[in-house]
């Protein structure tokens, strides 16, 4: 029969993973943080802990903060643009609109622009609705400082996040049109879908060929996409649910090659995020459960 420590950890594991992933943007690092959290949790005198969930959240937040600072140094030497690790998610993630919004590729990129402490405070307050006292304990600040950090982070995110809530149906429709245009080589149809200032980011991690810097502008992005797909045969596209939102999986000769997520503003695609780094595609083989 599982002991108290194991039962508590297992019952909150999906929540802890979600917190770590939202803070780090990396499923592999989130899994490592969970291992570290378990080791620290196993050494605790559990009979003295009144709220197991709160205690575990505190541990995972501190471990993720430490890892986030290390990750920041690693990103400085990363080859080309760095994108969050995509997750194949279950349909129920999309049903929780706030959770799906918080793990969308577009939102995860906005979170990348926060400092580590701002990111932790924003995630714990805005996504998981923790009170300021709990957050203060987790990030080693006083509640008044946490309130200020939360206000600053909210303002920062509000200025950069997508301007409107896009429904799953709208996203699927835009991606289906994108797929049709790219498969048929219809340049005009693709241009009609893309915002004039659309940004394309490609993450190959120095392992797979990808654009070395952002490609900006509808004409440049459309021509690059059509040129890349029409030069070689063997490509196929499949719709998928990635980070709580519709996305496209590109396969080359039957093997997973690229995951493309989109940002939509004012009904047009304003961001295209293509992850090709094989190390970041390991969680696309099976659904990941996320919880609040």
Protein backbone atom coordinates (compact mmCIF):
# COMPACT_ATOMS: atom_id res chain seq x y z
CA UNK A 1 0.00 0.00 0.00
CA UNK A 2 1.47 3.42 -0.95
CA UNK A 3 2.65 5.59 1.93
CA UNK A 4 1.44 9.14 2.62
CA UNK A 5 4.34 10.77 0.73
CA UNK A 6 3.80 8.71 -2.40
CA UNK A 7 0.02 9.11 -2.38
CA UNK A 8 0.26 12.90 -2.04
CA UNK A 9 2.92 13.22 -4.73
CA UNK A 10 1.10 11.01 -7.23
CA UNK A 11 -2.23 12.78 -6.67
CA UNK A 12 -0.64 16.19 -7.40
CA UNK A 13 1.89 15.09 -10.01
CA UNK A 14 0.06 16.48 -13.05
CA UNK A 15 -0.41 19.84 -11.32
CA UNK A 16 3.30 19.96 -10.36
CA UNK A 17 4.37 19.07 -13.90
CA UNK A 18 2.12 21.80 -15.33
CA UNK A 19 3.60 24.44 -13.00
CA UNK A 20 7.15 23.38 -13.86
CA UNK A 21 6.43 23.28 -17.59
CA UNK A 22 4.79 26.73 -17.59
CA UNK A 23 7.78 28.13 -15.76
CA UNK A 24 10.40 26.42 -17.93
CA UNK A 25 8.88 25.88 -21.38
CA UNK A 26 10.63 22.52 -21.45
CA UNK A 27 8.96 19.20 -20.69
CA UNK A 28 12.34 17.50 -20.23
CA UNK A 29 13.40 20.07 -17.64
CA UNK A 30 9.97 19.90 -15.99
CA UNK A 31 10.40 16.12 -15.59
CA UNK A 32 13.83 16.69 -14.01
CA UNK A 33 12.30 19.23 -11.63
CA UNK A 34 9.65 16.68 -10.63
CA UNK A 35 12.40 14.17 -9.78
CA UNK A 36 14.14 16.80 -7.64
CA UNK A 37 10.81 17.68 -6.00
CA UNK A 38 10.14 14.04 -5.15
CA UNK A 39 13.59 13.63 -3.53
CA UNK A 40 13.05 16.71 -1.35
CA UNK A 41 9.44 15.71 -0.55
CA UNK A 42 10.54 12.20 0.48
CA UNK A 43 12.76 13.72 3.21
CA UNK A 44 9.98 15.83 4.73
CA UNK A 45 8.27 14.94 8.04
CA UNK A 46 4.88 14.54 6.37
CA UNK A 47 2.88 14.31 9.59
CA UNK A 48 3.81 17.93 10.34
CA UNK A 49 2.65 19.22 6.94
CA UNK A 50 -0.91 20.61 7.10
CA UNK A 51 -1.38 21.17 3.36
CA UNK A 52 0.45 18.68 1.15
CA UNK A 53 -0.54 20.45 -2.08
CA UNK A 54 0.77 23.84 -0.93
CA UNK A 55 4.00 22.32 0.33
CA UNK A 56 4.61 20.44 -2.92
CA UNK A 57 3.85 23.56 -4.97
CA UNK A 58 6.43 25.45 -2.90
CA UNK A 59 9.09 22.80 -3.53
CA UNK A 60 8.41 22.54 -7.27
CA UNK A 61 8.40 26.35 -7.65
CA UNK A 62 11.77 26.71 -5.93
CA UNK A 63 13.29 23.89 -7.97
CA UNK A 64 11.87 25.34 -11.20
CA UNK A 65 13.18 28.82 -10.36
CA UNK A 66 16.66 27.42 -9.84
CA UNK A 67 16.42 25.47 -13.10
CA UNK A 68 15.02 28.53 -14.95
CA UNK A 69 18.10 30.59 -14.11
CA UNK A 70 20.35 27.81 -15.43
CA UNK A 71 18.16 27.47 -18.52
CA UNK A 72 18.57 31.19 -19.21
CA UNK A 73 22.34 30.76 -19.47
CA UNK A 74 21.85 27.72 -21.73
CA UNK A 75 19.56 29.68 -24.07
CA UNK A 76 22.25 32.32 -24.57
CA UNK A 77 24.37 29.77 -26.45
CA UNK A 78 21.43 28.09 -28.23
CA UNK A 79 21.77 27.89 -32.02
CA UNK A 80 19.04 29.97 -33.70
CA UNK A 81 15.66 30.93 -32.19
CA UNK A 82 14.61 29.05 -29.03
CA UNK A 83 11.00 27.83 -28.87
CA UNK A 84 9.15 26.04 -26.07
CA UNK A 85 8.90 22.27 -26.24
CA UNK A 86 5.54 21.30 -27.81
CA UNK A 87 3.25 18.86 -26.01
CA UNK A 88 0.61 16.63 -27.55
CA UNK A 89 -2.30 17.40 -25.20
CA UNK A 90 -5.56 15.64 -24.40
CA UNK A 91 -8.88 17.23 -25.52
CA UNK A 92 -9.78 18.16 -21.92
CA UNK A 93 -6.96 20.73 -21.83
CA UNK A 94 -8.74 22.71 -24.56
CA UNK A 95 -11.95 22.63 -22.48
CA UNK A 96 -10.21 24.62 -19.72
CA UNK A 97 -9.89 27.86 -21.70
CA UNK A 98 -7.62 29.60 -19.17
CA UNK A 99 -5.26 26.64 -18.91
CA UNK A 100 -5.13 26.23 -22.70
CA UNK A 101 -4.40 29.95 -23.11
CA UNK A 102 -1.60 29.79 -20.54
CA UNK A 103 0.22 26.91 -22.27
CA UNK A 104 -0.30 28.07 -25.86
CA UNK A 105 2.93 28.52 -27.78
CA UNK A 106 2.19 32.24 -28.20
CA UNK A 107 1.68 32.71 -24.45
CA UNK A 108 4.72 30.61 -23.54
CA UNK A 109 6.81 32.93 -25.71
CA UNK A 110 5.38 35.94 -23.89
CA UNK A 111 6.32 34.32 -20.55
CA UNK A 112 9.89 34.02 -21.88
CA UNK A 113 10.13 37.83 -21.73
CA UNK A 114 9.58 37.91 -17.94
CA UNK A 115 12.31 37.60 -15.31
CA UNK A 116 12.37 34.20 -13.52
CA UNK A 117 10.66 35.59 -10.40
CA UNK A 118 8.05 37.49 -12.45
CA UNK A 119 7.29 34.34 -14.39
CA UNK A 120 6.87 32.25 -11.24
CA UNK A 121 4.60 34.85 -9.62
CA UNK A 122 2.52 35.32 -12.78
CA UNK A 123 2.04 31.58 -13.31
CA UNK A 124 1.14 30.86 -9.69
CA UNK A 125 -1.24 33.82 -9.40
CA UNK A 126 -2.86 34.13 -12.82
CA UNK A 127 -2.98 30.48 -13.86
CA UNK A 128 -3.20 28.57 -10.58
CA UNK A 129 -4.91 31.28 -8.50
CA UNK A 130 -2.66 30.91 -5.44
CA UNK A 131 -2.99 33.61 -2.82
CA UNK A 132 -0.17 36.09 -2.29
CA UNK A 133 0.93 34.57 1.02
CA UNK A 134 1.41 31.14 -0.61
CA UNK A 135 3.33 32.65 -3.52
CA UNK A 136 5.48 34.70 -1.15
CA UNK A 137 6.56 31.53 0.66
CA UNK A 138 7.30 29.78 -2.63
CA UNK A 139 9.48 32.57 -4.07
CA UNK A 140 11.04 33.78 -0.78
CA UNK A 141 9.53 37.28 -0.94
CA UNK A 142 7.12 39.11 1.34
CA UNK A 143 3.46 39.36 0.22
CA UNK A 144 3.69 43.10 -0.50
CA UNK A 145 6.65 42.55 -2.85
CA UNK A 146 4.78 39.69 -4.54
CA UNK A 147 1.78 41.97 -5.19
CA UNK A 148 4.07 44.48 -6.89
CA UNK A 149 5.77 41.78 -8.95
CA UNK A 150 2.38 40.35 -9.95
CA UNK A 151 1.14 43.79 -11.06
CA UNK A 152 4.31 44.40 -13.10
CA UNK A 153 4.14 40.95 -14.70
CA UNK A 154 0.43 41.32 -15.56
CA UNK A 155 1.05 44.65 -17.29
CA UNK A 156 4.01 43.22 -19.19
CA UNK A 157 2.03 40.18 -20.37
CA UNK A 158 -1.10 42.19 -21.25
CA UNK A 159 0.94 44.35 -23.63
CA UNK A 160 2.34 41.32 -25.47
CA UNK A 161 -0.26 38.54 -25.41
CA UNK A 162 -2.70 37.91 -28.29
CA UNK A 163 -5.32 40.65 -28.35
CA UNK A 164 -8.36 38.39 -28.44
CA UNK A 165 -9.49 34.94 -27.41
CA UNK A 166 -9.58 32.75 -30.52
CA UNK A 167 -11.92 29.77 -30.39
CA UNK A 168 -10.77 26.25 -31.14
CA UNK A 169 -13.05 26.24 -34.20
CA UNK A 170 -11.48 29.45 -35.55
CA UNK A 171 -7.99 28.04 -35.03
CA UNK A 172 -8.89 24.77 -36.76
CA UNK A 173 -10.41 26.68 -39.68
CA UNK A 174 -7.31 28.87 -40.08
CA UNK A 175 -5.00 25.86 -39.94
CA UNK A 176 -7.11 23.88 -42.43
CA UNK A 177 -6.92 26.83 -44.83
CA UNK A 178 -3.17 27.10 -44.21
CA UNK A 179 -2.77 23.37 -44.93
CA UNK A 180 -4.78 23.63 -48.17
CA UNK A 181 -2.78 26.62 -49.38
CA UNK A 182 0.60 25.06 -48.66
CA UNK A 183 -0.34 21.64 -50.07
CA UNK A 184 -1.65 23.18 -53.30
CA UNK A 185 1.06 25.83 -53.54
CA UNK A 186 -1.56 28.60 -53.62
CA UNK A 187 0.50 31.70 -52.88
CA UNK A 188 -2.42 34.15 -52.92
CA UNK A 189 -4.51 32.01 -50.55
CA UNK A 190 -1.55 31.84 -48.17
CA UNK A 191 -0.99 35.60 -48.36
CA UNK A 192 -4.68 36.16 -47.56
CA UNK A 193 -4.28 34.07 -44.38
CA UNK A 194 -1.14 35.74 -43.09
CA UNK A 195 -1.04 39.05 -41.24
CA UNK A 196 1.13 41.64 -43.07
CA UNK A 197 3.65 41.59 -40.19
CA UNK A 198 3.51 37.82 -39.54
CA UNK A 199 6.60 36.41 -37.81
CA UNK A 200 7.97 32.92 -38.52
CA UNK A 201 10.29 31.34 -35.94
CA UNK A 202 12.06 28.04 -36.57
CA UNK A 203 13.80 26.00 -33.87
CA UNK A 204 16.24 23.39 -35.16
CA UNK A 205 18.60 23.63 -32.20
CA UNK A 206 21.59 23.35 -34.51
CA UNK A 207 20.58 19.73 -35.18
CA UNK A 208 18.01 20.24 -37.97
CA UNK A 209 18.08 22.97 -40.60
CA UNK A 210 15.96 25.95 -39.58
CA UNK A 211 15.90 29.71 -40.13
CA UNK A 212 18.71 31.33 -38.16
CA UNK A 213 16.62 34.38 -37.30
CA UNK A 214 12.95 35.40 -37.43
CA UNK A 215 11.39 35.80 -40.88
CA UNK A 216 9.02 38.78 -40.91
CA UNK A 217 6.35 39.76 -43.44
CA UNK A 218 3.63 37.86 -45.28
CA UNK A 219 5.38 37.74 -48.66
CA UNK A 220 8.71 36.49 -47.26
CA UNK A 221 7.07 33.89 -45.01
CA UNK A 222 4.71 32.60 -47.73
CA UNK A 223 7.45 32.25 -50.33
CA UNK A 224 9.78 30.56 -47.85
CA UNK A 225 7.09 28.03 -46.86
CA UNK A 226 6.03 27.20 -50.38
CA UNK A 227 9.63 27.04 -51.59
CA UNK A 228 10.63 24.63 -48.83
CA UNK A 229 7.64 22.32 -49.28
CA UNK A 230 7.62 22.21 -53.08
CA UNK A 231 11.35 21.58 -53.47
CA UNK A 232 11.11 18.12 -51.95
CA UNK A 233 8.47 15.41 -52.14
CA UNK A 234 7.55 13.15 -49.25
CA UNK A 235 5.96 15.79 -47.00
CA UNK A 236 2.56 15.29 -45.38
CA UNK A 237 0.65 17.35 -42.83
CA UNK A 238 -1.67 16.21 -40.08
CA UNK A 239 -3.78 18.26 -37.64
CA UNK A 240 -3.03 17.73 -33.94
CA UNK A 241 -3.84 19.20 -30.55
CA UNK A 242 -0.63 20.82 -29.26
CA UNK A 243 -0.39 22.80 -26.03
CA UNK A 244 -4.17 22.89 -25.81
CA UNK A 245 -4.66 24.31 -29.32
CA UNK A 246 -4.99 23.09 -32.91
CA UNK A 247 -1.62 22.77 -34.63
CA UNK A 248 -0.04 20.94 -37.56
CA UNK A 249 2.40 18.05 -37.55
CA UNK A 250 4.68 17.83 -40.56
CA UNK A 251 5.94 14.36 -41.42
CA UNK A 252 8.67 13.58 -43.90
CA UNK A 253 8.52 10.10 -45.41
CA UNK A 254 6.27 9.03 -42.54
CA UNK A 255 8.52 10.30 -39.73
CA UNK A 256 7.68 13.24 -37.44
CA UNK A 257 9.81 16.17 -38.55
CA UNK A 258 8.22 19.46 -37.46
CA UNK A 259 5.45 20.76 -35.24
CA UNK A 260 3.93 24.09 -36.26
CA UNK A 261 1.81 26.13 -33.85
CA UNK A 262 0.23 29.47 -34.71
CA UNK A 263 -0.76 32.76 -33.15
CA UNK A 264 -3.89 34.42 -34.55
CA UNK A 265 -4.70 38.12 -34.23
CA UNK A 266 -7.67 39.85 -35.87
CA UNK A 267 -8.56 36.67 -37.78
CA UNK A 268 -5.18 36.25 -39.46
CA UNK A 269 -2.08 34.23 -38.62
CA UNK A 270 0.39 36.62 -36.99
CA UNK A 271 2.86 34.05 -35.69
CA UNK A 272 4.14 30.69 -36.96
CA UNK A 273 6.28 28.63 -34.59
CA UNK A 274 8.05 25.63 -36.14
CA UNK A 275 9.86 23.22 -33.80
CA UNK A 276 12.23 20.82 -35.58
CA UNK A 277 14.82 20.10 -32.88
CA UNK A 278 14.38 16.31 -32.35
CA UNK A 279 15.19 16.66 -28.64
CA UNK A 280 12.07 18.82 -28.28
CA UNK A 281 9.71 16.41 -30.04
CA UNK A 282 9.93 13.51 -27.59
CA UNK A 283 6.60 14.42 -25.93
CA UNK A 284 4.71 14.29 -29.25
CA UNK A 285 4.41 10.50 -29.17
CA UNK A 286 1.73 10.38 -26.48
CA UNK A 287 -0.66 12.81 -24.83
CA UNK A 288 0.54 14.77 -21.81
CA UNK A 289 -1.97 15.44 -19.04
CA UNK A 290 -1.96 19.02 -17.73
CA UNK A 291 -3.90 20.12 -14.64
CA UNK A 292 -4.63 23.21 -12.59
